[in-house]
C-alpha atoms as a PDB file:
ATOM      1  CA  MET A   1     197.056 -71.039-142.480  1.00  0.00           C
ATOM      2  CA  ASP A   2     195.048 -69.526-145.457  1.00  0.00           C
ATOM      3  CA  LYS A   3     197.010 -67.989-148.420  1.00  0.00           C
ATOM      4  CA  GLN A   4     196.956 -64.379-146.883  1.00  0.00           C
ATOM      5  CA  GLU A   5     198.504 -66.156-143.596  1.00  0.00           C
ATOM      6  CA  ALA A   6     201.263 -68.118-145.294  1.00  0.00           C
ATOM      7  CA  VAL A   7     204.589 -67.468-144.091  1.00  0.00           C
ATOM      8  CA  ARG A   8     206.991 -66.861-146.717  1.00  0.00           C
ATOM      9  CA  LEU A   9     210.529 -67.906-146.070  1.00  0.00           C
ATOM     10  CA  ALA A  10     214.069 -67.156-147.873  1.00  0.00           C
ATOM     11  CA  ASP A  11     216.050 -70.299-148.940  1.00  0.00           C
ATOM     12  CA  SER A  12     218.510 -70.044-145.857  1.00  0.00           C
ATOM     13  CA  GLU A  13     215.324 -69.590-143.370  1.00  0.00           C
ATOM     14  CA  LEU A  14     213.975 -72.787-145.183  1.00  0.00           C
ATOM     15  CA  ARG A  15     217.064 -74.677-144.419  1.00  0.00           C
ATOM     16  CA  ILE A  16     216.876 -73.904-140.360  1.00  0.00           C
ATOM     17  CA  MET A  17     213.147 -74.790-140.572  1.00  0.00           C
ATOM     18  CA  GLU A  18     214.058 -78.360-142.382  1.00  0.00           C
ATOM     19  CA  GLN A  19     216.231 -79.239-139.426  1.00  0.00           C
ATOM     20  CA  LEU A  20     213.583 -78.456-137.137  1.00  0.00           C
ATOM     21  CA  TRP A  21     210.743 -80.418-138.950  1.00  0.00           C
ATOM     22  CA  LEU A  22     213.280 -83.171-138.870  1.00  0.00           C
ATOM     23  CA  GLU A  23     214.288 -83.349-135.171  1.00  0.00           C
ATOM     24  CA  GLY A  24     211.539 -81.238-133.465  1.00  0.00           C
ATOM     25  CA  SER A  25     212.189 -79.295-130.843  1.00  0.00           C
ATOM     26  CA  CYS A  26     215.721 -77.893-130.240  1.00  0.00           C
ATOM     27  CA  THR A  27     218.297 -75.172-128.848  1.00  0.00           C
ATOM     28  CA  ALA A  28     219.210 -72.346-131.018  1.00  0.00           C
ATOM     29  CA  LYS A  29     222.940 -73.615-130.221  1.00  0.00           C
ATOM     30  CA  HIS A  30     222.619 -77.058-131.487  1.00  0.00           C
ATOM     31  CA  LEU A  31     220.850 -75.694-134.790  1.00  0.00           C
ATOM     32  CA  ALA A  32     223.722 -73.424-135.143  1.00  0.00           C
ATOM     33  CA  ASP A  33     226.290 -76.461-134.826  1.00  0.00           C
ATOM     34  CA  VAL A  34     224.070 -78.580-137.522  1.00  0.00           C
ATOM     35  CA  MET A  35     224.249 -75.481-139.876  1.00  0.00           C
ATOM     36  CA  ALA A  36     227.930 -74.880-139.503  1.00  0.00           C
ATOM     37  CA  GLU A  37     228.781 -78.839-139.884  1.00  0.00           C
ATOM     38  CA  ARG A  38     226.403 -78.738-142.981  1.00  0.00           C
ATOM     39  CA  TRP A  39     226.652 -75.071-144.893  1.00  0.00           C
ATOM     40  CA  GLY A  40     229.599 -73.850-143.410  1.00  0.00           C
ATOM     41  CA  TRP A  41     227.636 -71.106-141.632  1.00  0.00           C
ATOM     42  CA  ASN A  42     228.743 -69.054-138.747  1.00  0.00           C
ATOM     43  CA  ILE A  43     226.778 -68.714-135.553  1.00  0.00           C
ATOM     44  CA  ASN A  44     225.310 -65.337-136.053  1.00  0.00           C
ATOM     45  CA  SER A  45     224.534 -66.035-139.658  1.00  0.00           C
ATOM     46  CA  THR A  46     222.068 -68.822-137.678  1.00  0.00           C
ATOM     47  CA  TYR A  47     220.672 -66.813-134.946  1.00  0.00           C
ATOM     48  CA  THR A  48     220.402 -63.911-137.115  1.00  0.00           C
ATOM     49  CA  LEU A  49     218.308 -66.582-139.429  1.00  0.00           C
ATOM     50  CA  ILE A  50     216.190 -68.114-136.387  1.00  0.00           C
ATOM     51  CA  LYS A  51     215.189 -64.233-135.462  1.00  0.00           C
ATOM     52  CA  ARG A  52     213.749 -63.609-138.634  1.00  0.00           C
ATOM     53  CA  CYS A  53     211.635 -67.107-138.707  1.00  0.00           C
ATOM     54  CA  ILE A  54     210.534 -65.920-135.022  1.00  0.00           C
ATOM     55  CA  LYS A  55     209.749 -62.306-136.149  1.00  0.00           C
ATOM     56  CA  LYS A  56     207.837 -63.705-139.257  1.00  0.00           C
ATOM     57  CA  GLY A  57     205.871 -66.518-137.004  1.00  0.00           C
ATOM     58  CA  ALA A  58     207.518 -69.930-138.265  1.00  0.00           C
ATOM     59  CA  ILE A  59     209.496 -70.303-134.847  1.00  0.00           C
ATOM     60  CA  ALA A  60     208.879 -70.074-131.364  1.00  0.00           C
ATOM     61  CA  ARG A  61     211.224 -69.570-128.952  1.00  0.00           C
ATOM     62  CA  GLN A  62     210.909 -70.841-125.613  1.00  0.00           C
ATOM     63  CA  ASP A  63     213.413 -70.117-122.431  1.00  0.00           C
ATOM     64  CA  PRO A  64     215.450 -70.870-120.419  1.00  0.00           C
ATOM     65  CA  GLY A  65     217.986 -72.048-123.174  1.00  0.00           C
ATOM     66  CA  PHE A  66     216.717 -70.813-126.244  1.00  0.00           C
ATOM     67  CA  VAL A  67     214.682 -73.658-127.576  1.00  0.00           C
ATOM     68  CA  CYS A  68     213.572 -72.975-131.010  1.00  0.00           C
ATOM     69  CA  GLU A  69     209.772 -74.780-132.318  1.00  0.00           C
ATOM     70  CA  ALA A  70     208.150 -74.692-135.415  1.00  0.00           C
ATOM     71  CA  LEU A  71     205.090 -73.328-135.725  1.00  0.00           C
ATOM     72  CA  VAL A  72     204.198 -74.339-139.259  1.00  0.00           C
ATOM     73  CA  SER A  73     204.248 -77.312-140.727  1.00  0.00           C
ATOM     74  CA  ARG A  74     205.904 -78.131-144.081  1.00  0.00           C
ATOM     75  CA  ASP A  75     202.730 -78.701-145.527  1.00  0.00           C
ATOM     76  CA  GLN A  76     201.861 -75.408-144.656  1.00  0.00           C
ATOM     77  CA  VAL A  77     205.085 -74.049-146.485  1.00  0.00           C
ATOM     78  CA  ARG A  78     204.895 -76.086-149.508  1.00  0.00           C
ATOM     79  CA  ARG A  79     201.264 -74.560-149.896  1.00  0.00           C
ATOM     80  CA  ALA A  80     202.539 -71.449-149.798  1.00  0.00           C
ATOM     81  CA  GLU A  81     205.517 -71.410-152.019  1.00  0.00           C
ATOM     82  CA  THR A  82     203.800 -73.549-154.508  1.00  0.00           C
ATOM     83  CA  ASP A  83     200.687 -70.827-154.431  1.00  0.00           C
ATOM     84  CA  LYS A  84     204.034 -68.386-154.870  1.00  0.00           C
ATOM     85  CA  LEU A  85     205.074 -70.401-157.882  1.00  0.00           C
ATOM     86  CA  LEU A  86     201.793 -70.543-159.449  1.00  0.00           C
ATOM     87  CA  ASP A  87     201.349 -66.820-159.425  1.00  0.00           C
ATOM     88  CA  LYS A  88     204.807 -65.915-160.151  1.00  0.00           C
ATOM     89  CA  LEU A  89     205.186 -68.230-163.087  1.00  0.00           C
ATOM     90  CA  PHE A  90     202.266 -69.391-164.333  1.00  0.00           C
ATOM     91  CA  GLY A  91     199.446 -66.900-163.666  1.00  0.00           C
ATOM     92  CA  GLY A  92     197.742 -68.648-160.929  1.00  0.00           C
ATOM     93  CA  SER A  93     196.922 -71.548-163.303  1.00  0.00           C
ATOM     94  CA  ALA A  94     197.755 -74.556-161.885  1.00  0.00           C
ATOM     95  CA  ASN A  95     197.094 -76.496-165.122  1.00  0.00           C
ATOM     96  CA  LEU A  96     199.914 -74.584-166.624  1.00  0.00           C
ATOM     97  CA  LEU A  97     202.138 -75.829-163.831  1.00  0.00           C
ATOM     98  CA  PHE A  98     200.991 -79.521-164.352  1.00  0.00           C
ATOM     99  CA  ALA A  99     201.656 -79.587-167.878  1.00  0.00           C
ATOM    100  CA  ALA A 100     205.075 -77.881-167.677  1.00  0.00           C
ATOM    101  CA  LEU A 101     205.833 -80.680-164.845  1.00  0.00           C
ATOM    102  CA  LEU A 102     204.755 -83.312-167.225  1.00  0.00           C
ATOM    103  CA  ASP A 103     206.409 -81.774-170.112  1.00  0.00           C
ATOM    104  CA  GLU A 104     209.746 -81.843-168.216  1.00  0.00           C
ATOM    105  CA  HIS A 105     209.800 -84.899-166.147  1.00  0.00           C
ATOM    106  CA  LYS A 106     209.492 -88.427-167.170  1.00  0.00           C
ATOM    107  CA  LEU A 107     206.928 -90.415-164.669  1.00  0.00           C
ATOM    108  CA  SER A 108     206.966 -93.639-163.832  1.00  0.00           C
ATOM    109  CA  ALA A 109     204.243 -96.095-163.941  1.00  0.00           C
ATOM    110  CA  GLU A 110     203.680 -95.792-160.464  1.00  0.00           C
ATOM    111  CA  GLU A 111     203.779 -92.107-160.261  1.00  0.00           C
ATOM    112  CA  LEU A 112     201.434 -91.930-163.296  1.00  0.00           C
ATOM    113  CA  ARG A 113     199.217 -94.318-161.081  1.00  0.00           C
ATOM    114  CA  GLU A 114     199.460 -92.000-158.059  1.00  0.00           C
ATOM    115  CA  LEU A 115     198.368 -89.117-159.994  1.00  0.00           C
ATOM    116  CA  ARG A 116     195.474 -90.647-161.662  1.00  0.00           C
ATOM    117  CA  LYS A 117     194.150 -91.511-158.067  1.00  0.00           C
ATOM    118  CA  LYS A 118     194.868 -88.284-156.943  1.00  0.00           C
ATOM    119  CA  LEU A 119     192.535 -86.803-160.084  1.00  0.00           C
ATOM    120  CA  GLU A 120     190.217 -89.379-159.666  1.00  0.00           C
ATOM    121  CA  GLU A 121     190.108 -88.417-156.242  1.00  0.00           C
ATOM    122  CA  LEU A 122     189.581 -84.483-156.955  1.00  0.00           C
ATOM    123  CA  GLU A 123     186.994 -85.363-159.998  1.00  0.00           C
ATOM    124  CA  GLU A 124     184.636 -86.783-157.155  1.00  0.00           C
ATOM    125  CA  GLU A 125     185.191 -84.504-154.919  1.00  0.00           C
ATOM    126  CA  THR A 126     183.982 -81.645-157.503  1.00  0.00           C
ATOM    127  CA  SER A 127     181.147 -83.515-158.437  1.00  0.00           C
END
């Protein structure tokens, strides 16, 4: 899925997707039960959000039983949300986003090693 095909999901829709990514396919009724327990949502709210996700192409509905299955991966949604954040707050600059993250968060030695490794891999790819 490229940037233009990215599915944009509201926070409440992401909660539905997180449950599907965690469990795999499940019924809408099960999702409604989980959302009621975890977030206090009523069944109508959950079904409305599921239908919005279906309309956006994030969830497939299979009958009988109104079984829901994620059509987009967590990584696809993360990439879309990252692009949205970059455009909205950093003028499309990954460098500015990265600098802001480093300024605001203390990284462990292990996290720094992982970042260095990733940067080295990216350098090799662009060389």
